[in-house]
Amino acid sequence: DFDKAKGIYEKNKMWQELHAKMEDGIDGGKTSPIGMFALLDKHFDGAASNEGLDKEHQKLEEAEHALEKAFQVSWFSGGNLDAAKKAFEKFDEENLAHFKKEEDLMMPLVGKMTQTGHPMKKYMQEELLATIIDDPRFESWVKYANEVLERYSDGMPRVRVFDHALWAVATDEQWATWNKWIKDTLSEDVYNEIQAVIAET
């Protein structure tokens, strides 16, 4: 149904916008917090820019605008979702390609930084999370990530990895708040599993 589809899209759009801020930084990586792309550029000779990652979000924004227009067409045609479905397929294709391109470059480089003693917790706190932590949508961002990662786990510990990463970079005060959001969102069994893993860390 139209309203349900539009609601899902709006939540996904919110999550994508904050995710992009963590990568792009607050002003394109010029000043702190610089975001992930500028952090990789700084430590790996322009690695993110050389692969065009700093341009990827512009392409996604174009696909998002096309999807917005398609929802308008669907609305004015009495809720017929054909136009929105077609636009979403295009957006989804570009979005998945974007994530794969990011992961293929970023994961090995982040691994190298971790192995060579870079202060990754400091980087995460000061250069990535700092881009979104004061955004009024941050609570919704954490909750939506948990909701989606639990629902579409495909047998993988996706939500556990996400929440463990949040715990690893949080202050005690932050975690007390974030943990409540997580508890409010997840099923009891999955939440308890995550708490057990954290307790053993």
C-alpha atoms as a PDB file:
ATOM      1  CA  ASP A   1       0.000   0.000   0.000  1.00  0.00           C
ATOM      2  CA  PHE A   2       1.109   3.527  -0.820  1.00  0.00           C
ATOM      3  CA  ASP A   3       1.321   4.941   2.713  1.00  0.00           C
ATOM      4  CA  LYS A   4       3.268   1.931   3.994  1.00  0.00           C
ATOM      5  CA  ALA A   5       5.706   2.058   1.072  1.00  0.00           C
ATOM      6  CA  LYS A   6       6.225   5.814   1.492  1.00  0.00           C
ATOM      7  CA  GLY A   7       6.779   5.371   5.247  1.00  0.00           C
ATOM      8  CA  ILE A   8       9.434   2.713   4.682  1.00  0.00           C
ATOM      9  CA  TYR A   9      11.128   4.922   2.112  1.00  0.00           C
ATOM     10  CA  GLU A  10      11.177   7.926   4.483  1.00  0.00           C
ATOM     11  CA  LYS A  11      12.815   5.855   7.239  1.00  0.00           C
ATOM     12  CA  ASN A  12      15.380   4.498   4.812  1.00  0.00           C
ATOM     13  CA  LYS A  13      16.080   7.993   3.491  1.00  0.00           C
ATOM     14  CA  MET A  14      16.702   9.265   7.024  1.00  0.00           C
ATOM     15  CA  TRP A  15      19.133   6.429   7.713  1.00  0.00           C
ATOM     16  CA  GLN A  16      20.950   6.987   4.428  1.00  0.00           C
ATOM     17  CA  GLU A  17      21.347  10.715   5.081  1.00  0.00           C
ATOM     18  CA  LEU A  18      23.014  10.171   8.447  1.00  0.00           C
ATOM     19  CA  HIS A  19      25.124   7.331   7.094  1.00  0.00           C
ATOM     20  CA  ALA A  20      26.349   9.655   4.345  1.00  0.00           C
ATOM     21  CA  LYS A  21      27.229  12.364   6.896  1.00  0.00           C
ATOM     22  CA  MET A  22      29.471   9.903   8.722  1.00  0.00           C
ATOM     23  CA  GLU A  23      31.335   9.270   5.494  1.00  0.00           C
ATOM     24  CA  ASP A  24      31.394  12.774   4.018  1.00  0.00           C
ATOM     25  CA  GLY A  25      32.057  14.744   7.206  1.00  0.00           C
ATOM     26  CA  ILE A  26      30.330  17.981   8.094  1.00  0.00           C
ATOM     27  CA  ASP A  27      31.900  20.027   5.311  1.00  0.00           C
ATOM     28  CA  GLY A  28      33.343  17.532   2.882  1.00  0.00           C
ATOM     29  CA  GLY A  29      36.175  16.531   5.191  1.00  0.00           C
ATOM     30  CA  LYS A  30      37.790  19.960   5.417  1.00  0.00           C
ATOM     31  CA  THR A  31      37.472  20.332   9.208  1.00  0.00           C
ATOM     32  CA  SER A  32      36.848  17.955  12.096  1.00  0.00           C
ATOM     33  CA  PRO A  33      34.727  15.865  12.254  1.00  0.00           C
ATOM     34  CA  ILE A  34      36.054  14.889   8.847  1.00  0.00           C
ATOM     35  CA  GLY A  35      34.165  11.635   8.211  1.00  0.00           C
ATOM     36  CA  MET A  36      35.387   8.282   6.962  1.00  0.00           C
ATOM     37  CA  PHE A  37      36.336   9.259   3.409  1.00  0.00           C
ATOM     38  CA  ALA A  38      38.663  12.069   4.474  1.00  0.00           C
ATOM     39  CA  LEU A  39      40.087   9.845   7.216  1.00  0.00           C
ATOM     40  CA  LEU A  40      41.040   7.214   4.638  1.00  0.00           C
ATOM     41  CA  ASP A  41      42.378   9.884   2.285  1.00  0.00           C
ATOM     42  CA  LYS A  42      44.545  11.237   5.093  1.00  0.00           C
ATOM     43  CA  HIS A  43      46.123   7.906   6.001  1.00  0.00           C
ATOM     44  CA  PHE A  44      46.184   6.167   2.607  1.00  0.00           C
ATOM     45  CA  ASP A  45      47.228   8.797   0.058  1.00  0.00           C
ATOM     46  CA  GLY A  46      43.780   9.847  -1.110  1.00  0.00           C
ATOM     47  CA  ALA A  47      42.421   6.293  -1.313  1.00  0.00           C
ATOM     48  CA  ALA A  48      38.728   7.205  -1.039  1.00  0.00           C
ATOM     49  CA  SER A  49      38.881  10.171  -3.428  1.00  0.00           C
ATOM     50  CA  ASN A  50      40.947   8.205  -5.947  1.00  0.00           C
ATOM     51  CA  GLU A  51      38.146   5.619  -6.109  1.00  0.00           C
ATOM     52  CA  GLY A  52      35.512   8.334  -6.461  1.00  0.00           C
ATOM     53  CA  LEU A  53      33.780   7.541  -3.175  1.00  0.00           C
ATOM     54  CA  ASP A  54      33.359  11.245  -2.464  1.00  0.00           C
ATOM     55  CA  LYS A  55      31.205  11.497  -5.617  1.00  0.00           C
ATOM     56  CA  GLU A  56      29.080   8.423  -4.944  1.00  0.00           C
ATOM     57  CA  HIS A  57      26.562  10.158  -2.717  1.00  0.00           C
ATOM     58  CA  GLN A  58      25.787  12.689  -5.431  1.00  0.00           C
ATOM     59  CA  LYS A  59      24.728   9.833  -7.714  1.00  0.00           C
ATOM     60  CA  LEU A  60      22.586   8.348  -4.958  1.00  0.00           C
ATOM     61  CA  GLU A  61      20.931  11.701  -4.308  1.00  0.00           C
ATOM     62  CA  GLU A  62      19.917  11.851  -7.968  1.00  0.00           C
ATOM     63  CA  ALA A  63      18.345   8.401  -7.667  1.00  0.00           C
ATOM     64  CA  GLU A  64      16.587   9.481  -4.462  1.00  0.00           C
ATOM     65  CA  HIS A  65      15.154  12.572  -6.151  1.00  0.00           C
ATOM     66  CA  ALA A  66      13.848  10.369  -8.968  1.00  0.00           C
ATOM     67  CA  LEU A  67      12.217   8.115  -6.379  1.00  0.00           C
ATOM     68  CA  GLU A  68      10.632  11.113  -4.639  1.00  0.00           C
ATOM     69  CA  LYS A  69       9.139  12.237  -7.941  1.00  0.00           C
ATOM     70  CA  ALA A  70       7.899   8.712  -8.605  1.00  0.00           C
ATOM     71  CA  PHE A  71       6.060   8.677  -5.287  1.00  0.00           C
ATOM     72  CA  GLN A  72       4.413  11.963  -6.286  1.00  0.00           C
ATOM     73  CA  VAL A  73       3.313  10.382  -9.561  1.00  0.00           C
ATOM     74  CA  SER A  74       1.984   7.384  -7.625  1.00  0.00           C
ATOM     75  CA  TRP A  75       0.073   9.673  -5.272  1.00  0.00           C
ATOM     76  CA  PHE A  76      -1.561  11.674  -8.059  1.00  0.00           C
ATOM     77  CA  SER A  77      -2.499   8.458  -9.870  1.00  0.00           C
ATOM     78  CA  GLY A  78      -4.550   7.276  -6.926  1.00  0.00           C
ATOM     79  CA  GLY A  79      -1.856   5.305  -5.119  1.00  0.00           C
ATOM     80  CA  ASN A  80      -0.673   3.226  -8.080  1.00  0.00           C
ATOM     81  CA  LEU A  81       2.858   2.184  -7.099  1.00  0.00           C
ATOM     82  CA  ASP A  82       4.121   1.191 -10.564  1.00  0.00           C
ATOM     83  CA  ALA A  83       6.221   4.342 -11.015  1.00  0.00           C
ATOM     84  CA  ALA A  84       7.621   4.124  -7.470  1.00  0.00           C
ATOM     85  CA  LYS A  85       8.495   0.439  -7.886  1.00  0.00           C
ATOM     86  CA  LYS A  86      10.399   1.145 -11.092  1.00  0.00           C
ATOM     87  CA  ALA A  87      12.285   4.068  -9.521  1.00  0.00           C
ATOM     88  CA  PHE A  88      13.037   2.035  -6.395  1.00  0.00           C
ATOM     89  CA  GLU A  89      14.573  -0.771  -8.451  1.00  0.00           C
ATOM     90  CA  LYS A  90      16.962   1.768  -9.975  1.00  0.00           C
ATOM     91  CA  PHE A  91      17.752   3.298  -6.589  1.00  0.00           C
ATOM     92  CA  ASP A  92      18.243  -0.108  -4.957  1.00  0.00           C
ATOM     93  CA  GLU A  93      20.612  -1.212  -7.705  1.00  0.00           C
ATOM     94  CA  GLU A  94      22.756   1.907  -7.352  1.00  0.00           C
ATOM     95  CA  ASN A  95      22.651   1.795  -3.560  1.00  0.00           C
ATOM     96  CA  LEU A  96      23.817  -1.827  -3.358  1.00  0.00           C
ATOM     97  CA  ALA A  97      26.606  -1.123  -5.849  1.00  0.00           C
ATOM     98  CA  HIS A  98      27.613   1.873  -3.727  1.00  0.00           C
ATOM     99  CA  PHE A  99      27.782  -0.184  -0.536  1.00  0.00           C
ATOM    100  CA  LYS A 100      29.823  -2.895  -2.238  1.00  0.00           C
ATOM    101  CA  LYS A 101      32.291  -0.355  -3.640  1.00  0.00           C
ATOM    102  CA  GLU A 102      32.668   1.193  -0.196  1.00  0.00           C
ATOM    103  CA  GLU A 103      33.139  -2.119   1.586  1.00  0.00           C
ATOM    104  CA  ASP A 104      35.650  -3.429  -0.939  1.00  0.00           C
ATOM    105  CA  LEU A 105      37.864  -0.404  -0.337  1.00  0.00           C
ATOM    106  CA  MET A 106      37.156   0.532   3.261  1.00  0.00           C
ATOM    107  CA  MET A 107      37.185  -2.796   5.091  1.00  0.00           C
ATOM    108  CA  PRO A 108      40.780  -3.777   4.199  1.00  0.00           C
ATOM    109  CA  LEU A 109      42.039  -0.266   4.975  1.00  0.00           C
ATOM    110  CA  VAL A 110      40.245  -0.089   8.317  1.00  0.00           C
ATOM    111  CA  GLY A 111      41.723  -3.510   9.081  1.00  0.00           C
ATOM    112  CA  LYS A 112      45.212  -2.191   8.341  1.00  0.00           C
ATOM    113  CA  MET A 113      44.660   0.812  10.587  1.00  0.00           C
ATOM    114  CA  THR A 114      43.519  -1.428  13.424  1.00  0.00           C
ATOM    115  CA  GLN A 115      46.473  -3.782  13.003  1.00  0.00           C
ATOM    116  CA  THR A 116      49.011  -0.962  12.955  1.00  0.00           C
ATOM    117  CA  GLY A 117      47.843   0.626  16.184  1.00  0.00           C
ATOM    118  CA  HIS A 118      45.739   3.550  15.004  1.00  0.00           C
ATOM    119  CA  PRO A 119      43.410   4.897  17.745  1.00  0.00           C
ATOM    120  CA  MET A 120      40.254   3.656  16.045  1.00  0.00           C
ATOM    121  CA  LYS A 121      37.968   4.378  19.003  1.00  0.00           C
ATOM    122  CA  LYS A 122      39.168   7.984  19.023  1.00  0.00           C
ATOM    123  CA  TYR A 123      38.649   8.256  15.262  1.00  0.00           C
ATOM    124  CA  MET A 124      35.144   6.805  15.529  1.00  0.00           C
ATOM    125  CA  GLN A 125      34.175   9.118  18.363  1.00  0.00           C
ATOM    126  CA  GLU A 126      35.726  12.332  17.078  1.00  0.00           C
ATOM    127  CA  GLU A 127      35.653  12.024  13.282  1.00  0.00           C
ATOM    128  CA  LEU A 128      32.663   9.783  12.439  1.00  0.00           C
ATOM    129  CA  LEU A 129      30.008   9.610  15.167  1.00  0.00           C
ATOM    130  CA  ALA A 130      30.554  13.276  15.960  1.00  0.00           C
ATOM    131  CA  THR A 131      29.011  14.092  12.570  1.00  0.00           C
ATOM    132  CA  ILE A 132      25.612  12.696  13.593  1.00  0.00           C
ATOM    133  CA  ILE A 133      25.455  12.222  17.354  1.00  0.00           C
ATOM    134  CA  ASP A 134      23.802  15.592  17.968  1.00  0.00           C
ATOM    135  CA  ASP A 135      21.365  15.178  15.096  1.00  0.00           C
ATOM    136  CA  PRO A 136      17.792  14.933  16.462  1.00  0.00           C
ATOM    137  CA  ARG A 137      17.302  11.877  14.241  1.00  0.00           C
ATOM    138  CA  PHE A 138      20.159   9.905  15.828  1.00  0.00           C
ATOM    139  CA  GLU A 139      17.847   7.859  18.080  1.00  0.00           C
ATOM    140  CA  SER A 140      15.695   6.951  15.081  1.00  0.00           C
ATOM    141  CA  TRP A 141      18.860   6.050  13.147  1.00  0.00           C
ATOM    142  CA  VAL A 142      20.005   3.589  15.828  1.00  0.00           C
ATOM    143  CA  LYS A 143      16.548   2.071  16.211  1.00  0.00           C
ATOM    144  CA  TYR A 144      15.951   1.716  12.475  1.00  0.00           C
ATOM    145  CA  ALA A 145      19.309   0.027  11.976  1.00  0.00           C
ATOM    146  CA  ASN A 146      18.467  -2.469  14.714  1.00  0.00           C
ATOM    147  CA  GLU A 147      15.001  -3.093  13.320  1.00  0.00           C
ATOM    148  CA  VAL A 148      16.243  -3.786   9.798  1.00  0.00           C
ATOM    149  CA  LEU A 149      19.361  -5.760  10.754  1.00  0.00           C
ATOM    150  CA  GLU A 150      17.377  -8.073  13.019  1.00  0.00           C
ATOM    151  CA  ARG A 151      14.593  -8.582  10.489  1.00  0.00           C
ATOM    152  CA  TYR A 152      16.927  -9.237   7.550  1.00  0.00           C
ATOM    153  CA  SER A 153      19.751 -11.098   9.272  1.00  0.00           C
ATOM    154  CA  ASP A 154      19.976 -13.889   6.663  1.00  0.00           C
ATOM    155  CA  GLY A 155      21.454 -16.035   9.419  1.00  0.00           C
ATOM    156  CA  MET A 156      24.287 -13.556   9.994  1.00  0.00           C
ATOM    157  CA  PRO A 157      24.986 -11.691  13.280  1.00  0.00           C
ATOM    158  CA  ARG A 158      24.437  -8.333  11.594  1.00  0.00           C
ATOM    159  CA  VAL A 159      22.622  -6.557  14.403  1.00  0.00           C
ATOM    160  CA  ARG A 160      25.054  -7.955  16.961  1.00  0.00           C
ATOM    161  CA  VAL A 161      28.023  -6.605  15.004  1.00  0.00           C
ATOM    162  CA  PHE A 162      26.378  -3.190  14.646  1.00  0.00           C
ATOM    163  CA  ASP A 163      25.491  -2.879  18.326  1.00  0.00           C
ATOM    164  CA  HIS A 164      28.832  -4.237  19.510  1.00  0.00           C
ATOM    165  CA  ALA A 165      30.538  -1.563  17.403  1.00  0.00           C
ATOM    166  CA  LEU A 166      28.354   1.120  18.999  1.00  0.00           C
ATOM    167  CA  TRP A 167      29.166  -0.202  22.465  1.00  0.00           C
ATOM    168  CA  ALA A 168      32.888  -0.282  21.662  1.00  0.00           C
ATOM    169  CA  VAL A 169      33.027   3.442  20.884  1.00  0.00           C
ATOM    170  CA  ALA A 170      30.472   4.713  23.408  1.00  0.00           C
ATOM    171  CA  THR A 171      31.137   6.376  26.724  1.00  0.00           C
ATOM    172  CA  ASP A 172      29.369   4.796  29.707  1.00  0.00           C
ATOM    173  CA  GLU A 173      26.815   7.590  29.675  1.00  0.00           C
ATOM    174  CA  GLN A 174      26.176   7.240  25.944  1.00  0.00           C
ATOM    175  CA  TRP A 175      25.806   3.483  26.169  1.00  0.00           C
ATOM    176  CA  ALA A 176      23.254   3.752  28.971  1.00  0.00           C
ATOM    177  CA  THR A 177      21.055   5.736  26.574  1.00  0.00           C
ATOM    178  CA  TRP A 178      21.789   3.835  23.374  1.00  0.00           C
ATOM    179  CA  ASN A 179      21.331   0.486  25.087  1.00  0.00           C
ATOM    180  CA  LYS A 180      17.827   1.512  26.118  1.00  0.00           C
ATOM    181  CA  TRP A 181      16.980   2.371  22.508  1.00  0.00           C
ATOM    182  CA  ILE A 182      18.301  -1.014  21.424  1.00  0.00           C
ATOM    183  CA  LYS A 183      16.333  -2.855  24.097  1.00  0.00           C
ATOM    184  CA  ASP A 184      13.167  -1.031  23.051  1.00  0.00           C
ATOM    185  CA  THR A 185      13.680  -2.154  19.438  1.00  0.00           C
ATOM    186  CA  LEU A 186      14.967  -5.737  19.461  1.00  0.00           C
ATOM    187  CA  SER A 187      13.273  -8.969  20.389  1.00  0.00           C
ATOM    188  CA  GLU A 188      14.139 -10.119  23.902  1.00  0.00           C
ATOM    189  CA  ASP A 189      16.199 -13.119  22.756  1.00  0.00           C
ATOM    190  CA  VAL A 190      18.368 -11.123  20.351  1.00  0.00           C
ATOM    191  CA  TYR A 191      18.844  -8.315  22.852  1.00  0.00           C
ATOM    192  CA  ASN A 192      19.944 -10.771  25.551  1.00  0.00           C
ATOM    193  CA  GLU A 193      22.353 -12.428  23.123  1.00  0.00           C
ATOM    194  CA  ILE A 194      23.994  -9.079  22.403  1.00  0.00           C
ATOM    195  CA  GLN A 195      24.262  -8.263  26.092  1.00  0.00           C
ATOM    196  CA  ALA A 196      25.940 -11.619  26.742  1.00  0.00           C
ATOM    197  CA  VAL A 197      28.526 -10.978  24.023  1.00  0.00           C
ATOM    198  CA  ILE A 198      29.271  -7.518  25.377  1.00  0.00           C
ATOM    199  CA  ALA A 199      29.616  -8.891  28.928  1.00  0.00           C
ATOM    200  CA  GLU A 200      32.253 -11.342  27.717  1.00  0.00           C
ATOM    201  CA  THR A 201      34.247  -8.712  25.820  1.00  0.00           C
END
